[in-house]
PDB file of all heavy atoms in Angstrom:
ATOM      1  N   GLY A   1      97.270 127.796 104.299  1.00  0.00           N
ATOM      2  CA  GLY A   1      96.232 128.733 104.705  1.00  0.00           C
ATOM      3  C   GLY A   1      96.546 129.390 106.029  1.00  0.00           C
ATOM      4  O   GLY A   1      97.402 128.955 106.787  1.00  0.00           O
ATOM      5  N   GLY A   2      95.816 130.463 106.304  1.00  0.00           N
ATOM      6  CA  GLY A   2      95.970 131.144 107.566  1.00  0.00           C
ATOM      7  C   GLY A   2      97.165 132.079 107.586  1.00  0.00           C
ATOM      8  O   GLY A   2      97.839 132.324 106.578  1.00  0.00           O
ATOM      9  N   LYS A   3      97.465 132.576 108.793  1.00  0.00           N
ATOM     10  CA  LYS A   3      98.555 133.523 108.974  1.00  0.00           C
ATOM     11  C   LYS A   3      99.902 132.818 108.932  1.00  0.00           C
ATOM     12  O   LYS A   3     100.050 131.714 109.432  1.00  0.00           O
ATOM     13  CB  LYS A   3      98.372 134.249 110.311  1.00  0.00           C
ATOM     14  CG  LYS A   3      99.386 135.333 110.569  1.00  0.00           C
ATOM     15  CD  LYS A   3      99.108 136.001 111.906  1.00  0.00           C
ATOM     16  CE  LYS A   3     100.154 137.066 112.204  1.00  0.00           C
ATOM     17  NZ  LYS A   3      99.916 137.718 113.521  1.00  0.00           N
ATOM     18  N   ARG A   4     100.868 133.478 108.364  1.00  0.00           N
ATOM     19  CA  ARG A   4     102.201 132.902 108.272  1.00  0.00           C
ATOM     20  C   ARG A   4     102.831 132.827 109.673  1.00  0.00           C
ATOM     21  O   ARG A   4     102.797 133.793 110.443  1.00  0.00           O
ATOM     22  CB  ARG A   4     103.077 133.761 107.365  1.00  0.00           C
ATOM     23  CG  ARG A   4     104.420 133.130 107.004  1.00  0.00           C
ATOM     24  CD  ARG A   4     105.223 134.103 106.152  1.00  0.00           C
ATOM     25  NE  ARG A   4     106.464 133.494 105.707  1.00  0.00           N
ATOM     26  CZ  ARG A   4     106.599 132.836 104.550  1.00  0.00           C
ATOM     27  NH1 ARG A   4     105.565 132.702 103.739  1.00  0.00           N
ATOM     28  NH2 ARG A   4     107.759 132.332 104.202  1.00  0.00           N
ATOM     29  N   GLY A   5     103.383 131.673 110.038  1.00  0.00           N
ATOM     30  CA  GLY A   5     103.990 131.536 111.349  1.00  0.00           C
ATOM     31  C   GLY A   5     104.511 130.128 111.580  1.00  0.00           C
ATOM     32  O   GLY A   5     104.654 129.330 110.640  1.00  0.00           O
ATOM     33  N   ILE A   6     104.796 129.833 112.850  1.00  0.00           N
ATOM     34  CA  ILE A   6     105.373 128.538 113.222  1.00  0.00           C
ATOM     35  C   ILE A   6     104.595 127.971 114.415  1.00  0.00           C
ATOM     36  O   ILE A   6     104.236 128.708 115.341  1.00  0.00           O
ATOM     37  CB  ILE A   6     106.864 128.675 113.603  1.00  0.00           C
ATOM     38  CG1 ILE A   6     107.668 129.281 112.463  1.00  0.00           C
ATOM     39  CG2 ILE A   6     107.450 127.314 114.001  1.00  0.00           C
ATOM     40  CD1 ILE A   6     109.107 129.586 112.839  1.00  0.00           C
ATOM     41  N   ILE A   7     104.356 126.698 114.392  1.00  0.00           N
ATOM     42  CA  ILE A   7     103.763 125.977 115.517  1.00  0.00           C
ATOM     43  C   ILE A   7     104.701 124.830 115.888  1.00  0.00           C
ATOM     44  O   ILE A   7     105.149 124.081 115.010  1.00  0.00           O
ATOM     45  CB  ILE A   7     102.365 125.421 115.180  1.00  0.00           C
ATOM     46  CG1 ILE A   7     101.371 126.559 114.938  1.00  0.00           C
ATOM     47  CG2 ILE A   7     101.856 124.515 116.311  1.00  0.00           C
ATOM     48  CD1 ILE A   7      99.992 126.074 114.515  1.00  0.00           C
ATOM     49  N   LEU A   8     105.010 124.731 117.161  1.00  0.00           N
ATOM     50  CA  LEU A   8     105.820 123.612 117.645  1.00  0.00           C
ATOM     51  C   LEU A   8     104.899 122.629 118.359  1.00  0.00           C
ATOM     52  O   LEU A   8     104.292 122.961 119.388  1.00  0.00           O
ATOM     53  CB  LEU A   8     106.916 124.102 118.595  1.00  0.00           C
ATOM     54  CG  LEU A   8     107.821 123.003 119.176  1.00  0.00           C
ATOM     55  CD1 LEU A   8     108.617 122.312 118.074  1.00  0.00           C
ATOM     56  CD2 LEU A   8     108.772 123.570 120.231  1.00  0.00           C
ATOM     57  N   GLN A   9     104.775 121.457 117.791  1.00  0.00           N
ATOM     58  CA  GLN A   9     103.931 120.401 118.378  1.00  0.00           C
ATOM     59  C   GLN A   9     104.836 119.373 119.053  1.00  0.00           C
ATOM     60  O   GLN A   9     105.695 118.773 118.403  1.00  0.00           O
ATOM     61  CB  GLN A   9     103.076 119.735 117.298  1.00  0.00           C
ATOM     62  CG  GLN A   9     102.085 118.722 117.833  1.00  0.00           C
ATOM     63  CD  GLN A   9     101.238 118.115 116.719  1.00  0.00           C
ATOM     64  OE1 GLN A   9     101.633 118.110 115.549  1.00  0.00           O
ATOM     65  NE2 GLN A   9     100.075 117.623 117.064  1.00  0.00           N
ATOM     66  N   THR A  10     104.676 119.213 120.348  1.00  0.00           N
ATOM     67  CA  THR A  10     105.530 118.301 121.118  1.00  0.00           C
ATOM     68  C   THR A  10     104.684 117.266 121.848  1.00  0.00           C
ATOM     69  O   THR A  10     103.527 117.532 122.205  1.00  0.00           O
ATOM     70  CB  THR A  10     106.374 119.076 122.150  1.00  0.00           C
ATOM     71  OG1 THR A  10     105.500 119.865 122.958  1.00  0.00           O
ATOM     72  CG2 THR A  10     107.388 119.965 121.479  1.00  0.00           C
ATOM     73  N   VAL A  11     105.275 116.110 122.064  1.00  0.00           N
ATOM     74  CA  VAL A  11     104.639 115.055 122.860  1.00  0.00           C
ATOM     75  C   VAL A  11     105.609 114.668 123.967  1.00  0.00           C
ATOM     76  O   VAL A  11     106.740 114.254 123.696  1.00  0.00           O
ATOM     77  CB  VAL A  11     104.289 113.815 122.004  1.00  0.00           C
ATOM     78  CG1 VAL A  11     103.713 112.717 122.891  1.00  0.00           C
ATOM     79  CG2 VAL A  11     103.292 114.185 120.916  1.00  0.00           C
ATOM     80  N   TYR A  12     105.169 114.851 125.190  1.00  0.00           N
ATOM     81  CA  TYR A  12     105.950 114.457 126.365  1.00  0.00           C
ATOM     82  C   TYR A  12     105.339 113.191 126.962  1.00  0.00           C
ATOM     83  O   TYR A  12     104.128 112.940 126.825  1.00  0.00           O
ATOM     84  CB  TYR A  12     105.947 115.567 127.415  1.00  0.00           C
ATOM     85  CG  TYR A  12     106.630 116.836 126.980  1.00  0.00           C
ATOM     86  CD1 TYR A  12     105.942 117.793 126.222  1.00  0.00           C
ATOM     87  CD2 TYR A  12     107.947 117.091 127.317  1.00  0.00           C
ATOM     88  CE1 TYR A  12     106.565 118.967 125.815  1.00  0.00           C
ATOM     89  CE2 TYR A  12     108.585 118.268 126.916  1.00  0.00           C
ATOM     90  CZ  TYR A  12     107.885 119.192 126.163  1.00  0.00           C
ATOM     91  OH  TYR A  12     108.509 120.340 125.766  1.00  0.00           O
ATOM     92  N   LEU A  13     106.163 112.430 127.629  1.00  0.00           N
ATOM     93  CA  LEU A  13     105.693 111.212 128.274  1.00  0.00           C
ATOM     94  C   LEU A  13     105.945 111.323 129.769  1.00  0.00           C
ATOM     95  O   LEU A  13     107.084 111.491 130.209  1.00  0.00           O
ATOM     96  CB  LEU A  13     106.430 109.987 127.707  1.00  0.00           C
ATOM     97  CG  LEU A  13     105.756 108.632 127.931  1.00  0.00           C
ATOM     98  CD1 LEU A  13     104.410 108.582 127.226  1.00  0.00           C
ATOM     99  CD2 LEU A  13     106.643 107.505 127.438  1.00  0.00           C
ATOM    100  N   LEU A  14     104.861 111.254 130.533  1.00  0.00           N
ATOM    101  CA  LEU A  14     104.964 111.265 131.991  1.00  0.00           C
ATOM    102  C   LEU A  14     104.974 109.822 132.469  1.00  0.00           C
ATOM    103  O   LEU A  14     104.024 109.082 132.246  1.00  0.00           O
ATOM    104  CB  LEU A  14     103.781 112.012 132.606  1.00  0.00           C
ATOM    105  CG  LEU A  14     103.766 112.126 134.139  1.00  0.00           C
ATOM    106  CD1 LEU A  14     104.950 112.948 134.630  1.00  0.00           C
ATOM    107  CD2 LEU A  14     102.454 112.752 134.615  1.00  0.00           C
ATOM    108  N   GLU A  15     106.054 109.405 133.113  1.00  0.00           N
ATOM    109  CA  GLU A  15     106.192 108.008 133.506  1.00  0.00           C
ATOM    110  C   GLU A  15     106.911 107.909 134.833  1.00  0.00           C
ATOM    111  O   GLU A  15     107.636 108.811 135.246  1.00  0.00           O
ATOM    112  CB  GLU A  15     106.953 107.221 132.434  1.00  0.00           C
ATOM    113  CG  GLU A  15     108.313 107.795 132.109  1.00  0.00           C
ATOM    114  CD  GLU A  15     108.977 107.147 130.923  1.00  0.00           C
ATOM    115  OE1 GLU A  15     108.389 106.228 130.351  1.00  0.00           O
ATOM    116  OE2 GLU A  15     110.101 107.548 130.569  1.00  0.00           O
ATOM    117  N   SER A  16     106.688 106.799 135.496  1.00  0.00           N
ATOM    118  CA  SER A  16     107.332 106.534 136.780  1.00  0.00           C
ATOM    119  C   SER A  16     108.020 105.184 136.707  1.00  0.00           C
ATOM    120  O   SER A  16     107.398 104.176 136.336  1.00  0.00           O
ATOM    121  CB  SER A  16     106.301 106.537 137.913  1.00  0.00           C
ATOM    122  OG  SER A  16     106.910 106.203 139.148  1.00  0.00           O
ATOM    123  N   VAL A  17     109.290 105.154 137.050  1.00  0.00           N
ATOM    124  CA  VAL A  17     110.052 103.904 137.077  1.00  0.00           C
ATOM    125  C   VAL A  17     109.994 103.364 138.498  1.00  0.00           C
ATOM    126  O   VAL A  17     110.565 103.943 139.425  1.00  0.00           O
ATOM    127  CB  VAL A  17     111.513 104.139 136.646  1.00  0.00           C
ATOM    128  CG1 VAL A  17     112.282 102.826 136.676  1.00  0.00           C
ATOM    129  CG2 VAL A  17     111.557 104.761 135.253  1.00  0.00           C
ATOM    130  N   ALA A  18     109.263 102.263 138.674  1.00  0.00           N
ATOM    131  CA  ALA A  18     109.043 101.700 140.011  1.00  0.00           C
ATOM    132  C   ALA A  18     109.191 100.191 139.961  1.00  0.00           C
ATOM    133  O   ALA A  18     109.072  99.575 138.887  1.00  0.00           O
ATOM    134  CB  ALA A  18     107.652 102.082 140.519  1.00  0.00           C
ATOM    135  N   PRO A  19     109.448  99.550 141.099  1.00  0.00           N
ATOM    136  CA  PRO A  19     109.527  98.080 141.130  1.00  0.00           C
ATOM    137  C   PRO A  19     108.229  97.450 140.624  1.00  0.00           C
ATOM    138  O   PRO A  19     107.133  97.967 140.863  1.00  0.00           O
ATOM    139  CB  PRO A  19     109.742  97.773 142.625  1.00  0.00           C
ATOM    140  CG  PRO A  19     110.362  99.013 143.189  1.00  0.00           C
ATOM    141  CD  PRO A  19     109.768 100.148 142.413  1.00  0.00           C
ATOM    142  N   SER A  20     108.362  96.347 139.920  1.00  0.00           N
ATOM    143  CA  SER A  20     107.202  95.718 139.287  1.00  0.00           C
ATOM    144  C   SER A  20     106.143  95.284 140.290  1.00  0.00           C
ATOM    145  O   SER A  20     104.949  95.271 139.972  1.00  0.00           O
ATOM    146  CB  SER A  20     107.650  94.512 138.450  1.00  0.00           C
ATOM    147  OG  SER A  20     108.334  93.565 139.265  1.00  0.00           O
ATOM    148  N   GLU A  21     106.576  94.932 141.525  1.00  0.00           N
ATOM    149  CA  GLU A  21     105.600  94.433 142.497  1.00  0.00           C
ATOM    150  C   GLU A  21     104.622  95.512 142.956  1.00  0.00           C
ATOM    151  O   GLU A  21     103.565  95.200 143.522  1.00  0.00           O
ATOM    152  CB  GLU A  21     106.304  93.820 143.712  1.00  0.00           C
ATOM    153  CG  GLU A  21     107.180  94.788 144.497  1.00  0.00           C
ATOM    154  CD  GLU A  21     108.627  94.748 144.034  1.00  0.00           C
ATOM    155  OE1 GLU A  21     108.868  94.238 142.923  1.00  0.00           O
ATOM    156  OE2 GLU A  21     109.499  95.206 144.791  1.00  0.00           O
ATOM    157  N   LEU A  22     104.949  96.787 142.717  1.00  0.00           N
ATOM    158  CA  LEU A  22     104.034  97.862 143.101  1.00  0.00           C
ATOM    159  C   LEU A  22     102.892  98.037 142.102  1.00  0.00           C
ATOM    160  O   LEU A  22     101.848  98.595 142.441  1.00  0.00           O
ATOM    161  CB  LEU A  22     104.793  99.185 143.236  1.00  0.00           C
ATOM    162  CG  LEU A  22     105.770  99.303 144.406  1.00  0.00           C
ATOM    163  CD1 LEU A  22     106.461 100.663 144.378  1.00  0.00           C
ATOM    164  CD2 LEU A  22     105.067  99.098 145.736  1.00  0.00           C
ATOM    165  N   HIS A  23     103.086  97.569 140.861  1.00  0.00           N
ATOM    166  CA  HIS A  23     102.067  97.713 139.803  1.00  0.00           C
ATOM    167  C   HIS A  23     101.587  99.169 139.722  1.00  0.00           C
ATOM    168  O   HIS A  23     100.386  99.450 139.724  1.00  0.00           O
ATOM    169  CB  HIS A  23     100.886  96.781 140.059  1.00  0.00           C
ATOM    170  CG  HIS A  23     101.263  95.332 140.088  1.00  0.00           C
ATOM    171  ND1 HIS A  23     101.620  94.625 138.953  1.00  0.00           N
ATOM    172  CD2 HIS A  23     101.349  94.459 141.123  1.00  0.00           C
ATOM    173  CE1 HIS A  23     101.912  93.377 139.289  1.00  0.00           C
ATOM    174  NE2 HIS A  23     101.755  93.245 140.598  1.00  0.00           N
ATOM    175  N   ILE A  24     102.535 100.072 139.646  1.00  0.00           N
ATOM    176  CA  ILE A  24     102.201 101.495 139.680  1.00  0.00           C
ATOM    177  C   ILE A  24     101.421 101.938 138.450  1.00  0.00           C
ATOM    178  O   ILE A  24     100.735 102.974 138.463  1.00  0.00           O
ATOM    179  CB  ILE A  24     103.492 102.330 139.838  1.00  0.00           C
ATOM    180  CG1 ILE A  24     103.160 103.719 140.401  1.00  0.00           C
ATOM    181  CG2 ILE A  24     104.239 102.437 138.507  1.00  0.00           C
ATOM    182  CD1 ILE A  24     104.369 104.505 140.839  1.00  0.00           C
ATOM    183  N   GLU A  25     101.469 101.125 137.375  1.00  0.00           N
ATOM    184  CA  GLU A  25     100.735 101.475 136.161  1.00  0.00           C
ATOM    185  C   GLU A  25      99.227 101.485 136.382  1.00  0.00           C
ATOM    186  O   GLU A  25      98.467 102.005 135.554  1.00  0.00           O
ATOM    187  CB  GLU A  25     101.094 100.523 135.017  1.00  0.00           C
ATOM    188  CG  GLU A  25     100.698  99.074 135.220  1.00  0.00           C
ATOM    189  CD  GLU A  25     101.721  98.315 136.039  1.00  0.00           C
ATOM    190  OE1 GLU A  25     102.747  98.912 136.438  1.00  0.00           O
ATOM    191  OE2 GLU A  25     101.494  97.117 136.280  1.00  0.00           O
ATOM    192  N   ARG A  26      98.762 100.894 137.485  1.00  0.00           N
ATOM    193  CA  ARG A  26      97.334 100.967 137.803  1.00  0.00           C
ATOM    194  C   ARG A  26      96.891 102.405 138.022  1.00  0.00           C
ATOM    195  O   ARG A  26      95.740 102.762 137.738  1.00  0.00           O
ATOM    196  CB  ARG A  26      97.025 100.165 139.073  1.00  0.00           C
ATOM    197  CG  ARG A  26      97.206  98.666 138.946  1.00  0.00           C
ATOM    198  CD  ARG A  26      96.969  97.994 140.288  1.00  0.00           C
ATOM    199  NE  ARG A  26      98.013  98.360 141.254  1.00  0.00           N
ATOM    200  CZ  ARG A  26      97.975  98.014 142.544  1.00  0.00           C
ATOM    201  NH1 ARG A  26      96.939  97.351 143.018  1.00  0.00           N
ATOM    202  NH2 ARG A  26      98.964  98.358 143.351  1.00  0.00           N
TER     203      ARG A  26
END
C-alpha cells in the first residue's frame, strides 16, 4: 500500500566504554 518508494530503518547504539568502577551505565 501507499506510494512506491524506499525506507531505510536503522538502529544505532550509543554507548560509552568506561572502567567498571565508574558504573557509567547509571
